[in-house]
PDB file of N, CA and C in Angstrom:
ATOM      1  N   MET A   1      49.312  -4.356  53.286  1.00  0.00           N
ATOM      2  CA  MET A   1      50.500  -4.922  52.739  1.00  0.00           C
ATOM      3  C   MET A   1      51.603  -4.962  53.825  1.00  0.00           C
ATOM      4  N   GLY A   2      52.249  -6.186  53.805  1.00  0.00           N
ATOM      5  CA  GLY A   2      53.301  -6.267  54.738  1.00  0.00           C
ATOM      6  C   GLY A   2      54.387  -7.219  54.342  1.00  0.00           C
ATOM      7  N   ILE A   3      55.520  -7.083  54.979  1.00  0.00           N
ATOM      8  CA  ILE A   3      56.577  -7.990  54.666  1.00  0.00           C
ATOM      9  C   ILE A   3      56.730  -8.865  55.799  1.00  0.00           C
ATOM     10  N   PHE A   4      56.993 -10.197  55.573  1.00  0.00           N
ATOM     11  CA  PHE A   4      57.254 -11.155  56.701  1.00  0.00           C
ATOM     12  C   PHE A   4      58.442 -12.003  56.307  1.00  0.00           C
ATOM     13  N   GLY A   5      59.116 -12.489  57.292  1.00  0.00           N
ATOM     14  CA  GLY A   5      60.310 -13.406  57.041  1.00  0.00           C
ATOM     15  C   GLY A   5      61.594 -12.566  57.047  1.00  0.00           C
ATOM     16  N   PHE A   6      61.403 -11.262  57.137  1.00  0.00           N
ATOM     17  CA  PHE A   6      62.631 -10.364  57.134  1.00  0.00           C
ATOM     18  C   PHE A   6      62.176  -8.971  57.612  1.00  0.00           C
ATOM     19  N   ASP A   7      63.032  -8.349  58.273  1.00  0.00           N
ATOM     20  CA  ASP A   7      62.703  -6.999  58.807  1.00  0.00           C
ATOM     21  C   ASP A   7      63.565  -5.949  57.915  1.00  0.00           C
ATOM     22  N   LEU A   8      62.975  -5.181  57.005  1.00  0.00           N
ATOM     23  CA  LEU A   8      63.774  -4.356  56.255  1.00  0.00           C
ATOM     24  C   LEU A   8      64.602  -3.279  57.065  1.00  0.00           C
ATOM     25  N   LYS A   9      64.071  -2.927  58.198  1.00  0.00           N
ATOM     26  CA  LYS A   9      64.689  -1.843  59.077  1.00  0.00           C
ATOM     27  C   LYS A   9      66.142  -2.262  59.413  1.00  0.00           C
ATOM     28  N   THR A  10      66.358  -3.661  59.536  1.00  0.00           N
ATOM     29  CA  THR A  10      67.710  -4.080  59.877  1.00  0.00           C
ATOM     30  C   THR A  10      68.743  -3.629  58.906  1.00  0.00           C
ATOM     31  N   ILE A  11      68.380  -3.291  57.579  1.00  0.00           N
ATOM     32  CA  ILE A  11      69.310  -2.976  56.635  1.00  0.00           C
ATOM     33  C   ILE A  11      69.017  -1.525  56.074  1.00  0.00           C
ATOM     34  N   GLY A  12      68.360  -0.702  57.060  1.00  0.00           N
ATOM     35  CA  GLY A  12      68.099   0.720  56.736  1.00  0.00           C
ATOM     36  C   GLY A  12      67.000   1.009  55.684  1.00  0.00           C
ATOM     37  N   LEU A  13      66.138   0.000  55.335  1.00  0.00           N
ATOM     38  CA  LEU A  13      65.012   0.251  54.489  1.00  0.00           C
ATOM     39  C   LEU A  13      63.655   0.205  55.179  1.00  0.00           C
ATOM     40  N   GLN A  14      62.563   0.707  54.534  1.00  0.00           N
ATOM     41  CA  GLN A  14      61.362   0.587  55.045  1.00  0.00           C
ATOM     42  C   GLN A  14      60.281   0.449  53.960  1.00  0.00           C
ATOM     43  N   LEU A  15      59.155  -0.206  54.238  1.00  0.00           N
ATOM     44  CA  LEU A  15      57.984  -0.386  53.331  1.00  0.00           C
ATOM     45  C   LEU A  15      56.931   0.574  53.615  1.00  0.00           C
ATOM     46  N   ASN A  16      56.474   1.317  52.510  1.00  0.00           N
ATOM     47  CA  ASN A  16      55.344   2.160  52.585  1.00  0.00           C
ATOM     48  C   ASN A  16      54.249   1.179  52.318  1.00  0.00           C
ATOM     49  N   ALA A  17      53.468   0.864  53.332  1.00  0.00           N
ATOM     50  CA  ALA A  17      52.250  -0.079  53.249  1.00  0.00           C
ATOM     51  C   ALA A  17      51.275   0.468  52.308  1.00  0.00           C
ATOM     52  N   ALA A  18      50.934   1.810  52.134  1.00  0.00           N
ATOM     53  CA  ALA A  18      49.996   2.268  51.336  1.00  0.00           C
ATOM     54  C   ALA A  18      50.418   2.258  49.782  1.00  0.00           C
ATOM     55  N   THR A  19      51.571   2.309  49.450  1.00  0.00           N
ATOM     56  CA  THR A  19      52.111   2.426  48.101  1.00  0.00           C
ATOM     57  C   THR A  19      52.803   1.117  47.612  1.00  0.00           C
ATOM     58  N   GLY A  20      53.333   0.337  48.618  1.00  0.00           N
ATOM     59  CA  GLY A  20      54.161  -0.801  48.316  1.00  0.00           C
ATOM     60  C   GLY A  20      55.601  -0.412  48.034  1.00  0.00           C
ATOM     61  N   GLU A  21      55.983   0.845  48.151  1.00  0.00           N
ATOM     62  CA  GLU A  21      57.389   1.313  47.746  1.00  0.00           C
ATOM     63  C   GLU A  21      58.314   0.949  48.943  1.00  0.00           C
ATOM     64  N   ILE A  22      59.468   0.368  48.554  1.00  0.00           N
ATOM     65  CA  ILE A  22      60.601   0.182  49.476  1.00  0.00           C
ATOM     66  C   ILE A  22      61.479   1.321  49.346  1.00  0.00           C
ATOM     67  N   ASN A  23      61.859   2.000  50.406  1.00  0.00           N
ATOM     68  CA  ASN A  23      62.661   3.266  50.294  1.00  0.00           C
ATOM     69  C   ASN A  23      63.653   3.300  51.462  1.00  0.00           C
ATOM     70  N   GLY A  24      64.606   4.160  51.444  1.00  0.00           N
ATOM     71  CA  GLY A  24      65.671   4.321  52.473  1.00  0.00           C
ATOM     72  C   GLY A  24      67.009   4.193  51.857  1.00  0.00           C
ATOM     73  N   VAL A  25      67.989   4.204  52.779  1.00  0.00           N
ATOM     74  CA  VAL A  25      69.322   4.213  52.289  1.00  0.00           C
ATOM     75  C   VAL A  25      69.895   2.913  52.912  1.00  0.00           C
ATOM     76  N   PRO A  26      70.289   1.795  51.961  1.00  0.00           N
ATOM     77  CA  PRO A  26      70.732   0.599  52.408  1.00  0.00           C
ATOM     78  C   PRO A  26      72.031   0.697  53.390  1.00  0.00           C
ATOM     79  N   THR A  27      72.068  -0.033  54.442  1.00  0.00           N
ATOM     80  CA  THR A  27      73.269   0.073  55.368  1.00  0.00           C
ATOM     81  C   THR A  27      74.101  -1.117  55.321  1.00  0.00           C
ATOM     82  N   LYS A  28      73.730  -2.294  54.705  1.00  0.00           N
ATOM     83  CA  LYS A  28      74.431  -3.491  54.636  1.00  0.00           C
ATOM     84  C   LYS A  28      74.342  -4.100  53.336  1.00  0.00           C
ATOM     85  N   ARG A  29      75.439  -4.593  52.791  1.00  0.00           N
ATOM     86  CA  ARG A  29      75.399  -5.388  51.490  1.00  0.00           C
ATOM     87  C   ARG A  29      75.000  -6.728  51.756  1.00  0.00           C
ATOM     88  N   GLY A  30      74.444  -7.443  50.733  1.00  0.00           N
ATOM     89  CA  GLY A  30      74.156  -8.797  50.870  1.00  0.00           C
ATOM     90  C   GLY A  30      72.868  -9.192  50.059  1.00  0.00           C
ATOM     91  N   ASP A  31      72.536 -10.487  50.009  1.00  0.00           N
ATOM     92  CA  ASP A  31      71.337 -11.033  49.360  1.00  0.00           C
ATOM     93  C   ASP A  31      70.311 -11.285  50.449  1.00  0.00           C
ATOM     94  N   TYR A  32      69.041 -10.679  50.292  1.00  0.00           N
ATOM     95  CA  TYR A  32      68.022 -10.932  51.248  1.00  0.00           C
ATOM     96  C   TYR A  32      66.773 -11.496  50.593  1.00  0.00           C
ATOM     97  N   ARG A  33      66.156 -12.362  51.225  1.00  0.00           N
ATOM     98  CA  ARG A  33      64.923 -12.935  50.754  1.00  0.00           C
ATOM     99  C   ARG A  33      63.807 -12.645  51.731  1.00  0.00           C
ATOM    100  N   PHE A  34      62.655 -12.285  51.180  1.00  0.00           N
ATOM    101  CA  PHE A  34      61.529 -11.952  52.037  1.00  0.00           C
ATOM    102  C   PHE A  34      60.200 -12.257  51.321  1.00  0.00           C
ATOM    103  N   SER A  35      59.173 -12.183  51.900  1.00  0.00           N
ATOM    104  CA  SER A  35      57.872 -12.420  51.252  1.00  0.00           C
ATOM    105  C   SER A  35      57.010 -11.129  51.526  1.00  0.00           C
ATOM    106  N   VAL A  36      56.192 -10.783  50.581  1.00  0.00           N
ATOM    107  CA  VAL A  36      55.332  -9.747  50.655  1.00  0.00           C
ATOM    108  C   VAL A  36      53.885 -10.164  50.555  1.00  0.00           C
ATOM    109  N   SER A  37      53.019  -9.711  51.536  1.00  0.00           N
ATOM    110  CA  SER A  37      51.645 -10.125  51.594  1.00  0.00           C
ATOM    111  C   SER A  37      50.804  -8.932  51.354  1.00  0.00           C
ATOM    112  N   ALA A  38      49.846  -8.941  50.351  1.00  0.00           N
ATOM    113  CA  ALA A  38      49.014  -7.743  50.097  1.00  0.00           C
ATOM    114  C   ALA A  38      47.645  -7.945  50.682  1.00  0.00           C
ATOM    115  N   ALA A  39      47.185  -9.105  50.727  1.00  0.00           N
ATOM    116  CA  ALA A  39      45.890  -9.362  51.308  1.00  0.00           C
ATOM    117  C   ALA A  39      45.818 -10.320  52.410  1.00  0.00           C
ATOM    118  N   GLY A  40      46.883 -11.111  52.601  1.00  0.00           N
ATOM    119  CA  GLY A  40      46.966 -12.110  53.659  1.00  0.00           C
ATOM    120  C   GLY A  40      47.946 -13.238  53.301  1.00  0.00           C
ATOM    121  N   PRO A  41      48.133 -14.044  54.283  1.00  0.00           N
ATOM    122  CA  PRO A  41      49.182 -15.103  53.920  1.00  0.00           C
ATOM    123  C   PRO A  41      48.973 -16.024  52.761  1.00  0.00           C
ATOM    124  N   LEU A  42      47.653 -16.191  52.377  1.00  0.00           N
ATOM    125  CA  LEU A  42      47.418 -17.013  51.155  1.00  0.00           C
ATOM    126  C   LEU A  42      47.792 -16.340  49.852  1.00  0.00           C
ATOM    127  N   SER A  43      48.010 -15.040  49.839  1.00  0.00           N
ATOM    128  CA  SER A  43      48.431 -14.355  48.588  1.00  0.00           C
ATOM    129  C   SER A  43      49.776 -13.805  48.702  1.00  0.00           C
ATOM    130  N   ALA A  44      50.614 -14.359  49.461  1.00  0.00           N
ATOM    131  CA  ALA A  44      52.001 -13.885  49.514  1.00  0.00           C
ATOM    132  C   ALA A  44      52.797 -14.104  48.349  1.00  0.00           C
ATOM    133  N   ARG A  45      53.780 -13.328  47.954  1.00  0.00           N
ATOM    134  CA  ARG A  45      54.673 -13.607  46.934  1.00  0.00           C
ATOM    135  C   ARG A  45      56.112 -13.484  47.428  1.00  0.00           C
ATOM    136  N   ARG A  46      57.016 -14.304  46.975  1.00  0.00           N
ATOM    137  CA  ARG A  46      58.336 -14.240  47.468  1.00  0.00           C
ATOM    138  C   ARG A  46      59.287 -13.391  46.648  1.00  0.00           C
ATOM    139  N   PHE A  47      60.184 -12.690  47.189  1.00  0.00           N
ATOM    140  CA  PHE A  47      61.100 -11.742  46.491  1.00  0.00           C
ATOM    141  C   PHE A  47      62.501 -12.006  46.998  1.00  0.00           C
ATOM    142  N   SER A  48      63.507 -11.488  46.301  1.00  0.00           N
ATOM    143  CA  SER A  48      64.789 -11.353  46.847  1.00  0.00           C
ATOM    144  C   SER A  48      65.369  -9.959  46.471  1.00  0.00           C
ATOM    145  N   LEU A  49      66.185  -9.534  47.247  1.00  0.00           N
ATOM    146  CA  LEU A  49      66.791  -8.091  47.059  1.00  0.00           C
ATOM    147  C   LEU A  49      68.342  -8.313  47.278  1.00  0.00           C
ATOM    148  N   THR A  50      69.078  -7.734  46.328  1.00  0.00           N
ATOM    149  CA  THR A  50      70.422  -7.738  46.286  1.00  0.00           C
ATOM    150  C   THR A  50      70.987  -6.318  46.474  1.00  0.00           C
ATOM    151  N   ILE A  51      71.732  -6.094  47.547  1.00  0.00           N
ATOM    152  CA  ILE A  51      72.384  -4.759  47.767  1.00  0.00           C
ATOM    153  C   ILE A  51      73.783  -4.925  47.551  1.00  0.00           C
ATOM    154  N   ARG A  52      74.433  -4.214  46.700  1.00  0.00           N
ATOM    155  CA  ARG A  52      75.890  -4.220  46.297  1.00  0.00           C
ATOM    156  C   ARG A  52      76.570  -2.998  46.778  1.00  0.00           C
TER     157      ARG A  52
END
């Protein structure tokens, strides 16, 4: 599992590749869009994350 199109670390978060959990303490507010791939680029899903 991986995230592409955005680096979560830039806002203080990280992805646990084994569980899919995003955790950490957000450091920047904003709307962020990224894609998550579980098996490869052909099975990617797009998501957005809003931090207020």
